[in-house]
């Protein structure tokens, strides 16, 4: 099974977009829409990761509670209890974390620095690819190839 580092390095874009805690929720939504992503890490000016804001945060802590997207800072609705992984983590460990904690995104930290984001889509895609490869090898074995 692959490591988080292998999956993050294989992504077409290794750029990790972040947002400041003082930026508006509207700005976060615009960046997520522009980049076609479902979550943004929230970082201080020095790069220190302090949270994550997702579409789920916006729906549950923003819209449903009547907060204005224009006037509400990201820090007001972000998730601050971060669960992070390192490039050395195995995919199975990430699947377990995401399942147990009901997470869709995991920030990837190396030496305390944000180096990537792992999404549930990344995990599903890699799991399917591994299963397909295993099936192909077993079929070849059965045929004596």
C-alpha atoms as a PDB file:
ATOM      1  CA  UNK A   1       0.000   0.000   0.000  1.00  0.00           C
ATOM      2  CA  UNK A   2       1.261   3.452  -0.947  1.00  0.00           C
ATOM      3  CA  UNK A   3       2.273   6.182   1.451  1.00  0.00           C
ATOM      4  CA  UNK A   4       0.717   9.632   1.659  1.00  0.00           C
ATOM      5  CA  UNK A   5       3.930  11.085   0.241  1.00  0.00           C
ATOM      6  CA  UNK A   6       3.666   8.932  -2.884  1.00  0.00           C
ATOM      7  CA  UNK A   7       0.056   9.951  -3.430  1.00  0.00           C
ATOM      8  CA  UNK A   8       0.686  13.674  -2.853  1.00  0.00           C
ATOM      9  CA  UNK A   9       3.739  13.635  -5.145  1.00  0.00           C
ATOM     10  CA  UNK A  10       1.751  11.922  -7.906  1.00  0.00           C
ATOM     11  CA  UNK A  11      -0.933  14.624  -7.925  1.00  0.00           C
ATOM     12  CA  UNK A  12      -0.899  16.846 -10.985  1.00  0.00           C
ATOM     13  CA  UNK A  13      -0.743  19.969  -8.826  1.00  0.00           C
ATOM     14  CA  UNK A  14       1.535  20.020  -5.819  1.00  0.00           C
ATOM     15  CA  UNK A  15       0.550  23.608  -5.003  1.00  0.00           C
ATOM     16  CA  UNK A  16      -1.237  23.798  -1.667  1.00  0.00           C
ATOM     17  CA  UNK A  17      -3.507  26.809  -1.517  1.00  0.00           C
ATOM     18  CA  UNK A  18      -4.065  28.358   1.911  1.00  0.00           C
ATOM     19  CA  UNK A  19      -6.130  31.196   3.285  1.00  0.00           C
ATOM     20  CA  UNK A  20      -5.564  33.611   6.166  1.00  0.00           C
ATOM     21  CA  UNK A  21      -7.821  33.441   9.234  1.00  0.00           C
ATOM     22  CA  UNK A  22      -8.755  37.098   8.732  1.00  0.00           C
ATOM     23  CA  UNK A  23      -9.916  36.634   5.138  1.00  0.00           C
ATOM     24  CA  UNK A  24     -13.663  36.587   4.597  1.00  0.00           C
ATOM     25  CA  UNK A  25     -15.617  33.395   4.178  1.00  0.00           C
ATOM     26  CA  UNK A  26     -16.634  34.714   0.752  1.00  0.00           C
ATOM     27  CA  UNK A  27     -12.963  34.868  -0.263  1.00  0.00           C
ATOM     28  CA  UNK A  28     -12.484  31.269   0.888  1.00  0.00           C
ATOM     29  CA  UNK A  29     -15.505  30.154  -1.144  1.00  0.00           C
ATOM     30  CA  UNK A  30     -14.216  31.994  -4.210  1.00  0.00           C
ATOM     31  CA  UNK A  31     -10.793  30.318  -3.934  1.00  0.00           C
ATOM     32  CA  UNK A  32     -12.365  26.881  -3.438  1.00  0.00           C
ATOM     33  CA  UNK A  33     -14.590  27.416  -6.493  1.00  0.00           C
ATOM     34  CA  UNK A  34     -11.712  28.730  -8.621  1.00  0.00           C
ATOM     35  CA  UNK A  35      -9.404  25.851  -7.669  1.00  0.00           C
ATOM     36  CA  UNK A  36     -12.207  23.247  -7.703  1.00  0.00           C
ATOM     37  CA  UNK A  37     -11.389  22.093  -4.176  1.00  0.00           C
ATOM     38  CA  UNK A  38     -13.578  21.395  -1.155  1.00  0.00           C
ATOM     39  CA  UNK A  39     -11.357  22.694   1.634  1.00  0.00           C
ATOM     40  CA  UNK A  40      -8.589  25.175   2.349  1.00  0.00           C
ATOM     41  CA  UNK A  41      -5.950  25.019   5.062  1.00  0.00           C
ATOM     42  CA  UNK A  42      -5.995  28.156   7.216  1.00  0.00           C
ATOM     43  CA  UNK A  43      -2.509  29.512   7.909  1.00  0.00           C
ATOM     44  CA  UNK A  44      -1.015  32.477   9.699  1.00  0.00           C
ATOM     45  CA  UNK A  45       1.255  34.867   7.778  1.00  0.00           C
ATOM     46  CA  UNK A  46       4.295  32.852   8.925  1.00  0.00           C
ATOM     47  CA  UNK A  47       2.818  29.701   7.379  1.00  0.00           C
ATOM     48  CA  UNK A  48       1.779  28.130  10.698  1.00  0.00           C
ATOM     49  CA  UNK A  49      -1.301  25.961  10.101  1.00  0.00           C
ATOM     50  CA  UNK A  50      -4.133  26.799  12.513  1.00  0.00           C
ATOM     51  CA  UNK A  51      -7.214  25.254  10.933  1.00  0.00           C
ATOM     52  CA  UNK A  52      -9.092  24.175   7.863  1.00  0.00           C
ATOM     53  CA  UNK A  53     -12.233  25.574   6.259  1.00  0.00           C
ATOM     54  CA  UNK A  54     -14.412  23.337   4.152  1.00  0.00           C
ATOM     55  CA  UNK A  55     -17.668  23.558   2.279  1.00  0.00           C
ATOM     56  CA  UNK A  56     -19.154  21.591   5.171  1.00  0.00           C
ATOM     57  CA  UNK A  57     -17.985  24.250   7.652  1.00  0.00           C
ATOM     58  CA  UNK A  58     -19.608  26.932   5.516  1.00  0.00           C
ATOM     59  CA  UNK A  59     -22.902  25.057   5.298  1.00  0.00           C
ATOM     60  CA  UNK A  60     -23.131  24.116   8.965  1.00  0.00           C
ATOM     61  CA  UNK A  61     -21.444  27.017  10.761  1.00  0.00           C
ATOM     62  CA  UNK A  62     -22.047  29.804   8.280  1.00  0.00           C
ATOM     63  CA  UNK A  63     -25.256  29.674   6.295  1.00  0.00           C
ATOM     64  CA  UNK A  64     -27.334  27.703   8.813  1.00  0.00           C
ATOM     65  CA  UNK A  65     -26.365  30.078  11.619  1.00  0.00           C
ATOM     66  CA  UNK A  66     -27.070  33.183   9.537  1.00  0.00           C
ATOM     67  CA  UNK A  67     -23.479  34.424   9.227  1.00  0.00           C
ATOM     68  CA  UNK A  68     -22.716  36.772   6.351  1.00  0.00           C
ATOM     69  CA  UNK A  69     -20.158  35.405   3.904  1.00  0.00           C
ATOM     70  CA  UNK A  70     -18.959  38.960   3.287  1.00  0.00           C
ATOM     71  CA  UNK A  71     -18.393  40.000   6.894  1.00  0.00           C
ATOM     72  CA  UNK A  72     -17.499  36.729   8.628  1.00  0.00           C
ATOM     73  CA  UNK A  73     -13.793  35.922   8.917  1.00  0.00           C
ATOM     74  CA  UNK A  74     -12.628  32.410   8.098  1.00  0.00           C
ATOM     75  CA  UNK A  75     -11.485  31.980  11.713  1.00  0.00           C
ATOM     76  CA  UNK A  76     -15.112  32.174  12.904  1.00  0.00           C
ATOM     77  CA  UNK A  77     -16.223  29.017  11.099  1.00  0.00           C
ATOM     78  CA  UNK A  78     -13.027  27.034  10.435  1.00  0.00           C
ATOM     79  CA  UNK A  79     -12.326  23.711  12.112  1.00  0.00           C
ATOM     80  CA  UNK A  80      -9.451  24.287  14.512  1.00  0.00           C
ATOM     81  CA  UNK A  81      -9.077  20.749  15.891  1.00  0.00           C
ATOM     82  CA  UNK A  82      -6.798  19.566  13.128  1.00  0.00           C
ATOM     83  CA  UNK A  83      -6.028  15.978  12.327  1.00  0.00           C
ATOM     84  CA  UNK A  84      -2.902  15.851  10.188  1.00  0.00           C
ATOM     85  CA  UNK A  85      -0.754  13.162   8.624  1.00  0.00           C
ATOM     86  CA  UNK A  86       2.829  12.949   7.437  1.00  0.00           C
ATOM     87  CA  UNK A  87       4.169  11.724   4.087  1.00  0.00           C
ATOM     88  CA  UNK A  88       5.162   8.471   5.831  1.00  0.00           C
ATOM     89  CA  UNK A  89       1.599   7.538   6.781  1.00  0.00           C
ATOM     90  CA  UNK A  90       0.106   4.604   4.908  1.00  0.00           C
ATOM     91  CA  UNK A  91      -3.099   4.945   2.937  1.00  0.00           C
ATOM     92  CA  UNK A  92      -4.880   2.460   5.227  1.00  0.00           C
ATOM     93  CA  UNK A  93      -4.101   4.637   8.252  1.00  0.00           C
ATOM     94  CA  UNK A  94      -5.586   7.656   6.486  1.00  0.00           C
ATOM     95  CA  UNK A  95      -8.724   5.743   5.519  1.00  0.00           C
ATOM     96  CA  UNK A  96      -9.176   4.749   9.151  1.00  0.00           C
ATOM     97  CA  UNK A  97      -8.662   8.328  10.381  1.00  0.00           C
ATOM     98  CA  UNK A  98     -11.084   9.717   7.826  1.00  0.00           C
ATOM     99  CA  UNK A  99     -13.704   7.096   8.651  1.00  0.00           C
ATOM    100  CA  UNK A 100     -13.374   7.364  12.433  1.00  0.00           C
ATOM    101  CA  UNK A 101     -13.325  11.179  12.501  1.00  0.00           C
ATOM    102  CA  UNK A 102     -15.749  11.771   9.583  1.00  0.00           C
ATOM    103  CA  UNK A 103     -13.119  13.769   7.682  1.00  0.00           C
ATOM    104  CA  UNK A 104     -12.894  14.464   3.989  1.00  0.00           C
ATOM    105  CA  UNK A 105      -9.534  16.242   3.974  1.00  0.00           C
ATOM    106  CA  UNK A 106      -6.233  15.654   5.759  1.00  0.00           C
ATOM    107  CA  UNK A 107      -3.453  18.241   5.737  1.00  0.00           C
ATOM    108  CA  UNK A 108      -0.057  16.626   5.139  1.00  0.00           C
ATOM    109  CA  UNK A 109       2.742  18.054   7.279  1.00  0.00           C
ATOM    110  CA  UNK A 110       6.462  17.387   7.003  1.00  0.00           C
ATOM    111  CA  UNK A 111       8.647  18.840   9.746  1.00  0.00           C
ATOM    112  CA  UNK A 112       5.681  21.014  10.756  1.00  0.00           C
ATOM    113  CA  UNK A 113       5.360  22.483   7.244  1.00  0.00           C
ATOM    114  CA  UNK A 114       2.270  21.999   5.061  1.00  0.00           C
ATOM    115  CA  UNK A 115       3.334  19.983   1.999  1.00  0.00           C
ATOM    116  CA  UNK A 116       0.005  18.744   0.673  1.00  0.00           C
ATOM    117  CA  UNK A 117      -3.633  17.879   1.167  1.00  0.00           C
ATOM    118  CA  UNK A 118      -5.105  14.403   0.983  1.00  0.00           C
ATOM    119  CA  UNK A 119      -8.782  14.223   0.083  1.00  0.00           C
ATOM    120  CA  UNK A 120     -11.226  11.370   0.385  1.00  0.00           C
ATOM    121  CA  UNK A 121     -11.272  11.384  -3.425  1.00  0.00           C
ATOM    122  CA  UNK A 122      -7.516  10.760  -3.488  1.00  0.00           C
ATOM    123  CA  UNK A 123      -7.942   7.847  -1.095  1.00  0.00           C
ATOM    124  CA  UNK A 124     -10.813   6.286  -3.077  1.00  0.00           C
ATOM    125  CA  UNK A 125      -8.980   6.696  -6.394  1.00  0.00           C
ATOM    126  CA  UNK A 126      -5.833   5.033  -5.075  1.00  0.00           C
ATOM    127  CA  UNK A 127      -7.751   2.226  -3.371  1.00  0.00           C
ATOM    128  CA  UNK A 128      -9.604   1.438  -6.607  1.00  0.00           C
ATOM    129  CA  UNK A 129      -6.347   1.468  -8.590  1.00  0.00           C
ATOM    130  CA  UNK A 130      -4.709  -0.929  -6.120  1.00  0.00           C
ATOM    131  CA  UNK A 131      -7.683  -3.314  -6.190  1.00  0.00           C
ATOM    132  CA  UNK A 132      -7.781  -3.287 -10.002  1.00  0.00           C
ATOM    133  CA  UNK A 133      -4.067  -4.085 -10.127  1.00  0.00           C
ATOM    134  CA  UNK A 134      -4.507  -6.956  -7.679  1.00  0.00           C
ATOM    135  CA  UNK A 135      -7.407  -8.371  -9.716  1.00  0.00           C
ATOM    136  CA  UNK A 136      -5.354  -8.153 -12.903  1.00  0.00           C
ATOM    137  CA  UNK A 137      -2.408  -9.997 -11.282  1.00  0.00           C
ATOM    138  CA  UNK A 138      -4.695 -12.703  -9.910  1.00  0.00           C
ATOM    139  CA  UNK A 139      -6.365 -13.188 -13.289  1.00  0.00           C
ATOM    140  CA  UNK A 140      -2.941 -13.527 -14.938  1.00  0.00           C
ATOM    141  CA  UNK A 141      -1.894 -16.024 -12.278  1.00  0.00           C
ATOM    142  CA  UNK A 142      -5.045 -18.101 -12.806  1.00  0.00           C
ATOM    143  CA  UNK A 143      -4.430 -18.119 -16.588  1.00  0.00           C
ATOM    144  CA  UNK A 144      -0.821 -19.189 -15.957  1.00  0.00           C
ATOM    145  CA  UNK A 145       0.710 -16.082 -17.485  1.00  0.00           C
END
